[in-house]
PDB file of N, CA and C in Angstrom:
ATOM      1  N   MET A   1     -16.112   2.834   0.003  1.00  0.00           N
ATOM      2  CA  MET A   1     -14.967   3.728   0.121  1.00  0.00           C
ATOM      3  C   MET A   1     -14.482   4.072  -1.292  1.00  0.00           C
ATOM      4  N   ASN A   2     -14.333   5.356  -1.556  1.00  0.00           N
ATOM      5  CA  ASN A   2     -13.919   5.736  -2.906  1.00  0.00           C
ATOM      6  C   ASN A   2     -12.395   5.730  -3.039  1.00  0.00           C
ATOM      7  N   ARG A   3     -11.939   5.895  -4.278  1.00  0.00           N
ATOM      8  CA  ARG A   3     -10.498   5.816  -4.579  1.00  0.00           C
ATOM      9  C   ARG A   3      -9.699   6.867  -3.810  1.00  0.00           C
ATOM     10  N   GLN A   4     -10.230   8.067  -3.708  1.00  0.00           N
ATOM     11  CA  GLN A   4      -9.515   9.134  -3.000  1.00  0.00           C
ATOM     12  C   GLN A   4      -9.310   8.779  -1.526  1.00  0.00           C
ATOM     13  N   GLU A   5     -10.319   8.202  -0.901  1.00  0.00           N
ATOM     14  CA  GLU A   5     -10.206   7.802   0.506  1.00  0.00           C
ATOM     15  C   GLU A   5      -9.145   6.713   0.670  1.00  0.00           C
ATOM     16  N   ILE A   6      -9.116   5.774  -0.269  1.00  0.00           N
ATOM     17  CA  ILE A   6      -8.120   4.704  -0.228  1.00  0.00           C
ATOM     18  C   ILE A   6      -6.720   5.299  -0.330  1.00  0.00           C
ATOM     19  N   GLU A   7      -6.510   6.178  -1.319  1.00  0.00           N
ATOM     20  CA  GLU A   7      -5.196   6.774  -1.520  1.00  0.00           C
ATOM     21  C   GLU A   7      -4.762   7.595  -0.304  1.00  0.00           C
ATOM     22  N   THR A   8      -5.684   8.331   0.283  1.00  0.00           N
ATOM     23  CA  THR A   8      -5.371   9.139   1.466  1.00  0.00           C
ATOM     24  C   THR A   8      -4.930   8.258   2.628  1.00  0.00           C
ATOM     25  N   LYS A   9      -5.667   7.166   2.880  1.00  0.00           N
ATOM     26  CA  LYS A   9      -5.322   6.264   3.982  1.00  0.00           C
ATOM     27  C   LYS A   9      -3.975   5.588   3.751  1.00  0.00           C
ATOM     28  N   VAL A  10      -3.755   5.138   2.514  1.00  0.00           N
ATOM     29  CA  VAL A  10      -2.492   4.459   2.205  1.00  0.00           C
ATOM     30  C   VAL A  10      -1.317   5.428   2.374  1.00  0.00           C
ATOM     31  N   LYS A  11      -1.441   6.618   1.824  1.00  0.00           N
ATOM     32  CA  LYS A  11      -0.356   7.608   1.951  1.00  0.00           C
ATOM     33  C   LYS A  11      -0.083   7.911   3.421  1.00  0.00           C
ATOM     34  N   ALA A  12      -1.137   8.032   4.211  1.00  0.00           N
ATOM     35  CA  ALA A  12      -0.972   8.344   5.635  1.00  0.00           C
ATOM     36  C   ALA A  12      -0.182   7.254   6.357  1.00  0.00           C
ATOM     37  N   PHE A  13      -0.501   5.979   6.109  1.00  0.00           N
ATOM     38  CA  PHE A  13       0.241   4.946   6.833  1.00  0.00           C
ATOM     39  C   PHE A  13       1.653   4.754   6.272  1.00  0.00           C
ATOM     40  N   LEU A  14       1.846   5.041   5.002  1.00  0.00           N
ATOM     41  CA  LEU A  14       3.207   4.962   4.458  1.00  0.00           C
ATOM     42  C   LEU A  14       4.103   6.006   5.117  1.00  0.00           C
ATOM     43  N   ILE A  15       3.576   7.199   5.311  1.00  0.00           N
ATOM     44  CA  ILE A  15       4.342   8.283   5.920  1.00  0.00           C
ATOM     45  C   ILE A  15       4.467   8.090   7.435  1.00  0.00           C
ATOM     46  N   ASP A  16       3.352   7.828   8.104  1.00  0.00           N
ATOM     47  CA  ASP A  16       3.339   7.774   9.569  1.00  0.00           C
ATOM     48  C   ASP A  16       3.910   6.478  10.138  1.00  0.00           C
ATOM     49  N   ASP A  17       3.503   5.344   9.579  1.00  0.00           N
ATOM     50  CA  ASP A  17       3.897   4.054  10.150  1.00  0.00           C
ATOM     51  C   ASP A  17       5.202   3.509   9.570  1.00  0.00           C
ATOM     52  N   LEU A  18       5.397   3.673   8.268  1.00  0.00           N
ATOM     53  CA  LEU A  18       6.607   3.135   7.641  1.00  0.00           C
ATOM     54  C   LEU A  18       7.694   4.195   7.462  1.00  0.00           C
ATOM     55  N   GLU A  19       7.351   5.446   7.786  1.00  0.00           N
ATOM     56  CA  GLU A  19       8.292   6.564   7.735  1.00  0.00           C
ATOM     57  C   GLU A  19       8.937   6.730   6.363  1.00  0.00           C
ATOM     58  N   ILE A  20       8.123   6.595   5.326  1.00  0.00           N
ATOM     59  CA  ILE A  20       8.590   6.811   3.959  1.00  0.00           C
ATOM     60  C   ILE A  20       8.483   8.296   3.653  1.00  0.00           C
ATOM     61  N   ASP A  21       9.526   8.827   3.047  1.00  0.00           N
ATOM     62  CA  ASP A  21       9.575  10.239   2.672  1.00  0.00           C
ATOM     63  C   ASP A  21       8.416  10.552   1.721  1.00  0.00           C
ATOM     64  N   GLU A  22       7.674  11.586   2.040  1.00  0.00           N
ATOM     65  CA  GLU A  22       6.501  11.971   1.240  1.00  0.00           C
ATOM     66  C   GLU A  22       6.861  12.210  -0.227  1.00  0.00           C
ATOM     67  N   ASN A  23       8.073  12.659  -0.504  1.00  0.00           N
ATOM     68  CA  ASN A  23       8.505  12.911  -1.878  1.00  0.00           C
ATOM     69  C   ASN A  23       8.656  11.630  -2.694  1.00  0.00           C
ATOM     70  N   LYS A  24       8.742  10.494  -2.022  1.00  0.00           N
ATOM     71  CA  LYS A  24       8.878   9.206  -2.718  1.00  0.00           C
ATOM     72  C   LYS A  24       7.527   8.573  -3.006  1.00  0.00           C
ATOM     73  N   ILE A  25       6.451   9.218  -2.550  1.00  0.00           N
ATOM     74  CA  ILE A  25       5.113   8.646  -2.695  1.00  0.00           C
ATOM     75  C   ILE A  25       4.406   9.301  -3.875  1.00  0.00           C
ATOM     76  N   PHE A  26       4.401   8.575  -4.994  1.00  0.00           N
ATOM     77  CA  PHE A  26       3.680   9.010  -6.193  1.00  0.00           C
ATOM     78  C   PHE A  26       3.170   7.760  -6.900  1.00  0.00           C
ATOM     79  N   ASP A  27       2.147   7.912  -7.717  1.00  0.00           N
ATOM     80  CA  ASP A  27       1.432   6.769  -8.293  1.00  0.00           C
ATOM     81  C   ASP A  27       2.324   5.725  -8.958  1.00  0.00           C
ATOM     82  N   ASP A  28       3.310   6.167  -9.727  1.00  0.00           N
ATOM     83  CA  ASP A  28       4.147   5.224 -10.463  1.00  0.00           C
ATOM     84  C   ASP A  28       5.403   4.802  -9.706  1.00  0.00           C
ATOM     85  N   ALA A  29       5.490   5.179  -8.429  1.00  0.00           N
ATOM     86  CA  ALA A  29       6.646   4.778  -7.618  1.00  0.00           C
ATOM     87  C   ALA A  29       6.650   3.266  -7.453  1.00  0.00           C
ATOM     88  N   LYS A  30       7.820   2.688  -7.648  1.00  0.00           N
ATOM     89  CA  LYS A  30       7.969   1.248  -7.421  1.00  0.00           C
ATOM     90  C   LYS A  30       8.100   1.026  -5.910  1.00  0.00           C
ATOM     91  N   LEU A  31       7.331   0.064  -5.412  1.00  0.00           N
ATOM     92  CA  LEU A  31       7.285  -0.165  -3.969  1.00  0.00           C
ATOM     93  C   LEU A  31       8.672  -0.474  -3.397  1.00  0.00           C
ATOM     94  N   LYS A  32       9.409  -1.354  -4.059  1.00  0.00           N
ATOM     95  CA  LYS A  32      10.725  -1.742  -3.539  1.00  0.00           C
ATOM     96  C   LYS A  32      11.811  -0.748  -3.931  1.00  0.00           C
ATOM     97  N   GLU A  33      11.944  -0.506  -5.220  1.00  0.00           N
ATOM     98  CA  GLU A  33      13.067   0.289  -5.704  1.00  0.00           C
ATOM     99  C   GLU A  33      12.971   1.767  -5.311  1.00  0.00           C
ATOM    100  N   ASP A  34      11.808   2.389  -5.502  1.00  0.00           N
ATOM    101  CA  ASP A  34      11.661   3.823  -5.248  1.00  0.00           C
ATOM    102  C   ASP A  34      11.332   4.145  -3.793  1.00  0.00           C
ATOM    103  N   MET A  35      10.485   3.312  -3.193  1.00  0.00           N
ATOM    104  CA  MET A  35      10.008   3.620  -1.841  1.00  0.00           C
ATOM    105  C   MET A  35      10.784   2.864  -0.759  1.00  0.00           C
ATOM    106  N   GLY A  36      11.552   1.859  -1.148  1.00  0.00           N
ATOM    107  CA  GLY A  36      12.371   1.129  -0.188  1.00  0.00           C
ATOM    108  C   GLY A  36      11.604   0.173   0.701  1.00  0.00           C
ATOM    109  N   ILE A  37      10.438  -0.275   0.246  1.00  0.00           N
ATOM    110  CA  ILE A  37       9.645  -1.213   1.051  1.00  0.00           C
ATOM    111  C   ILE A  37      10.274  -2.597   0.938  1.00  0.00           C
ATOM    112  N   ASP A  38      10.611  -3.186   2.089  1.00  0.00           N
ATOM    113  CA  ASP A  38      11.214  -4.522   2.091  1.00  0.00           C
ATOM    114  C   ASP A  38      10.245  -5.532   2.713  1.00  0.00           C
ATOM    115  N   SER A  39      10.702  -6.758   2.861  1.00  0.00           N
ATOM    116  CA  SER A  39       9.819  -7.819   3.346  1.00  0.00           C
ATOM    117  C   SER A  39       9.321  -7.556   4.769  1.00  0.00           C
ATOM    118  N   LEU A  40      10.134  -6.933   5.604  1.00  0.00           N
ATOM    119  CA  LEU A  40       9.685  -6.617   6.962  1.00  0.00           C
ATOM    120  C   LEU A  40       8.606  -5.530   6.938  1.00  0.00           C
ATOM    121  N   ASP A  41       8.775  -4.551   6.057  1.00  0.00           N
ATOM    122  CA  ASP A  41       7.750  -3.515   5.900  1.00  0.00           C
ATOM    123  C   ASP A  41       6.448  -4.136   5.412  1.00  0.00           C
ATOM    124  N   PHE A  42       6.570  -5.127   4.533  1.00  0.00           N
ATOM    125  CA  PHE A  42       5.374  -5.760   3.985  1.00  0.00           C
ATOM    126  C   PHE A  42       4.550  -6.430   5.087  1.00  0.00           C
ATOM    127  N   VAL A  43       5.221  -7.009   6.071  1.00  0.00           N
ATOM    128  CA  VAL A  43       4.507  -7.613   7.210  1.00  0.00           C
ATOM    129  C   VAL A  43       3.685  -6.539   7.918  1.00  0.00           C
ATOM    130  N   ASP A  44       4.276  -5.368   8.123  1.00  0.00           N
ATOM    131  CA  ASP A  44       3.550  -4.251   8.741  1.00  0.00           C
ATOM    132  C   ASP A  44       2.376  -3.815   7.874  1.00  0.00           C
ATOM    133  N   ILE A  45       2.592  -3.767   6.566  1.00  0.00           N
ATOM    134  CA  ILE A  45       1.532  -3.356   5.641  1.00  0.00           C
ATOM    135  C   ILE A  45       0.342  -4.298   5.733  1.00  0.00           C
ATOM    136  N   VAL A  46       0.601  -5.597   5.826  1.00  0.00           N
ATOM    137  CA  VAL A  46      -0.483  -6.584   5.934  1.00  0.00           C
ATOM    138  C   VAL A  46      -1.351  -6.276   7.152  1.00  0.00           C
ATOM    139  N   VAL A  47      -0.724  -6.003   8.282  1.00  0.00           N
ATOM    140  CA  VAL A  47      -1.458  -5.712   9.517  1.00  0.00           C
ATOM    141  C   VAL A  47      -2.230  -4.395   9.387  1.00  0.00           C
ATOM    142  N   ILE A  48      -1.577  -3.377   8.840  1.00  0.00           N
ATOM    143  CA  ILE A  48      -2.203  -2.058   8.700  1.00  0.00           C
ATOM    144  C   ILE A  48      -3.394  -2.110   7.744  1.00  0.00           C
ATOM    145  N   VAL A  49      -3.238  -2.811   6.630  1.00  0.00           N
ATOM    146  CA  VAL A  49      -4.340  -2.920   5.658  1.00  0.00           C
ATOM    147  C   VAL A  49      -5.525  -3.642   6.281  1.00  0.00           C
ATOM    148  N   GLU A  50      -5.255  -4.702   7.019  1.00  0.00           N
ATOM    149  CA  GLU A  50      -6.356  -5.417   7.666  1.00  0.00           C
ATOM    150  C   GLU A  50      -7.091  -4.501   8.650  1.00  0.00           C
ATOM    151  N   LYS A  51      -6.351  -3.715   9.405  1.00  0.00           N
ATOM    152  CA  LYS A  51      -6.951  -2.802  10.385  1.00  0.00           C
ATOM    153  C   LYS A  51      -7.753  -1.690   9.701  1.00  0.00           C
ATOM    154  N   ASN A  52      -7.194  -1.112   8.634  1.00  0.00           N
ATOM    155  CA  ASN A  52      -7.812   0.042   7.982  1.00  0.00           C
ATOM    156  C   ASN A  52      -8.874  -0.298   6.941  1.00  0.00           C
ATOM    157  N   PHE A  53      -8.712  -1.444   6.288  1.00  0.00           N
ATOM    158  CA  PHE A  53      -9.603  -1.761   5.166  1.00  0.00           C
ATOM    159  C   PHE A  53     -10.426  -3.029   5.381  1.00  0.00           C
ATOM    160  N   GLY A  54     -10.130  -3.806   6.418  1.00  0.00           N
ATOM    161  CA  GLY A  54     -10.958  -4.936   6.778  1.00  0.00           C
ATOM    162  C   GLY A  54     -10.792  -6.198   5.953  1.00  0.00           C
ATOM    163  N   PHE A  55      -9.638  -6.394   5.319  1.00  0.00           N
ATOM    164  CA  PHE A  55      -9.382  -7.655   4.627  1.00  0.00           C
ATOM    165  C   PHE A  55      -7.910  -8.015   4.775  1.00  0.00           C
ATOM    166  N   LYS A  56      -7.612  -9.314   4.589  1.00  0.00           N
ATOM    167  CA  LYS A  56      -6.230  -9.784   4.679  1.00  0.00           C
ATOM    168  C   LYS A  56      -5.626  -9.851   3.288  1.00  0.00           C
ATOM    169  N   ILE A  57      -4.418  -9.349   3.177  1.00  0.00           N
ATOM    170  CA  ILE A  57      -3.685  -9.451   1.913  1.00  0.00           C
ATOM    171  C   ILE A  57      -3.196 -10.887   1.759  1.00  0.00           C
ATOM    172  N   LYS A  58      -3.445 -11.448   0.594  1.00  0.00           N
ATOM    173  CA  LYS A  58      -2.919 -12.778   0.284  1.00  0.00           C
ATOM    174  C   LYS A  58      -1.664 -12.579  -0.558  1.00  0.00           C
ATOM    175  N   PRO A  59      -0.531 -13.113  -0.100  1.00  0.00           N
ATOM    176  CA  PRO A  59       0.734 -12.893  -0.820  1.00  0.00           C
ATOM    177  C   PRO A  59       0.658 -13.240  -2.309  1.00  0.00           C
ATOM    178  N   GLU A  60      -0.057 -14.307  -2.648  1.00  0.00           N
ATOM    179  CA  GLU A  60      -0.140 -14.703  -4.055  1.00  0.00           C
ATOM    180  C   GLU A  60      -0.872 -13.667  -4.908  1.00  0.00           C
ATOM    181  N   GLU A  61      -1.730 -12.861  -4.283  1.00  0.00           N
ATOM    182  CA  GLU A  61      -2.440 -11.814  -5.027  1.00  0.00           C
ATOM    183  C   GLU A  61      -1.564 -10.577  -5.252  1.00  0.00           C
ATOM    184  N   MET A  62      -0.480 -10.488  -4.521  1.00  0.00           N
ATOM    185  CA  MET A  62       0.401  -9.321  -4.616  1.00  0.00           C
ATOM    186  C   MET A  62       1.570  -9.536  -5.581  1.00  0.00           C
ATOM    187  N   VAL A  63       1.629 -10.705  -6.219  1.00  0.00           N
ATOM    188  CA  VAL A  63       2.762 -11.038  -7.080  1.00  0.00           C
ATOM    189  C   VAL A  63       3.018  -9.986  -8.157  1.00  0.00           C
ATOM    190  N   GLY A  64       1.990  -9.517  -8.838  1.00  0.00           N
ATOM    191  CA  GLY A  64       2.177  -8.550  -9.915  1.00  0.00           C
ATOM    192  C   GLY A  64       2.127  -7.099  -9.477  1.00  0.00           C
ATOM    193  N   VAL A  65       2.004  -6.862  -8.186  1.00  0.00           N
ATOM    194  CA  VAL A  65       1.882  -5.492  -7.680  1.00  0.00           C
ATOM    195  C   VAL A  65       3.278  -4.933  -7.406  1.00  0.00           C
ATOM    196  N   THR A  66       3.714  -4.038  -8.299  1.00  0.00           N
ATOM    197  CA  THR A  66       5.058  -3.476  -8.137  1.00  0.00           C
ATOM    198  C   THR A  66       5.051  -1.965  -7.921  1.00  0.00           C
ATOM    199  N   THR A  67       3.954  -1.295  -8.303  1.00  0.00           N
ATOM    200  CA  THR A  67       3.891   0.159  -8.142  1.00  0.00           C
ATOM    201  C   THR A  67       2.808   0.547  -7.139  1.00  0.00           C
ATOM    202  N   LEU A  68       2.894   1.770  -6.677  1.00  0.00           N
ATOM    203  CA  LEU A  68       1.894   2.264  -5.737  1.00  0.00           C
ATOM    204  C   LEU A  68       0.513   2.288  -6.374  1.00  0.00           C
ATOM    205  N   ARG A  69       0.421   2.662  -7.651  1.00  0.00           N
ATOM    206  CA  ARG A  69      -0.867   2.666  -8.356  1.00  0.00           C
ATOM    207  C   ARG A  69      -1.488   1.259  -8.359  1.00  0.00           C
ATOM    208  N   GLN A  70      -0.670   0.241  -8.602  1.00  0.00           N
ATOM    209  CA  GLN A  70      -1.170  -1.135  -8.596  1.00  0.00           C
ATOM    210  C   GLN A  70      -1.628  -1.541  -7.195  1.00  0.00           C
ATOM    211  N   PHE A  71      -0.943  -1.039  -6.176  1.00  0.00           N
ATOM    212  CA  PHE A  71      -1.347  -1.321  -4.801  1.00  0.00           C
ATOM    213  C   PHE A  71      -2.696  -0.680  -4.499  1.00  0.00           C
ATOM    214  N   TYR A  72      -2.883   0.581  -4.952  1.00  0.00           N
ATOM    215  CA  TYR A  72      -4.191   1.236  -4.804  1.00  0.00           C
ATOM    216  C   TYR A  72      -5.270   0.410  -5.516  1.00  0.00           C
ATOM    217  N   ASP A  73      -4.965  -0.036  -6.743  1.00  0.00           N
ATOM    218  CA  ASP A  73      -5.927  -0.828  -7.527  1.00  0.00           C
ATOM    219  C   ASP A  73      -6.292  -2.107  -6.784  1.00  0.00           C
ATOM    220  N   TYR A  74      -5.291  -2.753  -6.199  1.00  0.00           N
ATOM    221  CA  TYR A  74      -5.524  -3.989  -5.460  1.00  0.00           C
ATOM    222  C   TYR A  74      -6.472  -3.742  -4.282  1.00  0.00           C
ATOM    223  N   ILE A  75      -6.191  -2.718  -3.497  1.00  0.00           N
ATOM    224  CA  ILE A  75      -7.055  -2.408  -2.355  1.00  0.00           C
ATOM    225  C   ILE A  75      -8.454  -2.041  -2.831  1.00  0.00           C
ATOM    226  N   ASP A  76      -8.536  -1.223  -3.869  1.00  0.00           N
ATOM    227  CA  ASP A  76      -9.827  -0.810  -4.430  1.00  0.00           C
ATOM    228  C   ASP A  76     -10.643  -2.037  -4.852  1.00  0.00           C
ATOM    229  N   SER A  77      -9.996  -3.012  -5.463  1.00  0.00           N
ATOM    230  CA  SER A  77     -10.709  -4.210  -5.927  1.00  0.00           C
ATOM    231  C   SER A  77     -11.229  -5.043  -4.750  1.00  0.00           C
ATOM    232  N   LYS A  78     -10.568  -4.944  -3.616  1.00  0.00           N
ATOM    233  CA  LYS A  78     -10.987  -5.717  -2.448  1.00  0.00           C
ATOM    234  C   LYS A  78     -12.089  -5.042  -1.641  1.00  0.00           C
ATOM    235  N   VAL A  79     -12.076  -3.725  -1.583  1.00  0.00           N
ATOM    236  CA  VAL A  79     -13.062  -3.023  -0.742  1.00  0.00           C
ATOM    237  C   VAL A  79     -14.302  -2.578  -1.502  1.00  0.00           C
ATOM    238  N   ASN A  80     -14.240  -2.578  -2.818  1.00  0.00           N
ATOM    239  CA  ASN A  80     -15.393  -2.110  -3.605  1.00  0.00           C
ATOM    240  C   ASN A  80     -15.946  -3.187  -4.527  1.00  0.00           C
TER     241      ASN A  80
END
């Protein structure tokens, strides 16, 4: 799966499943501060990522992930 496919899938579930405003979705957006993702949303993200990308997010691996770009990088590193 290439980077564009990853970004497309992530943007789709952020908009459709988490109901995040499309205008808040940009590479350098901070997940918590800019996009409003909280701990309950993160539980949903774990399930969605497993369904869409076939791996489980480990919380300890997400410690340094604060922006959407870093989240894309994390998924890319797991699927490729």
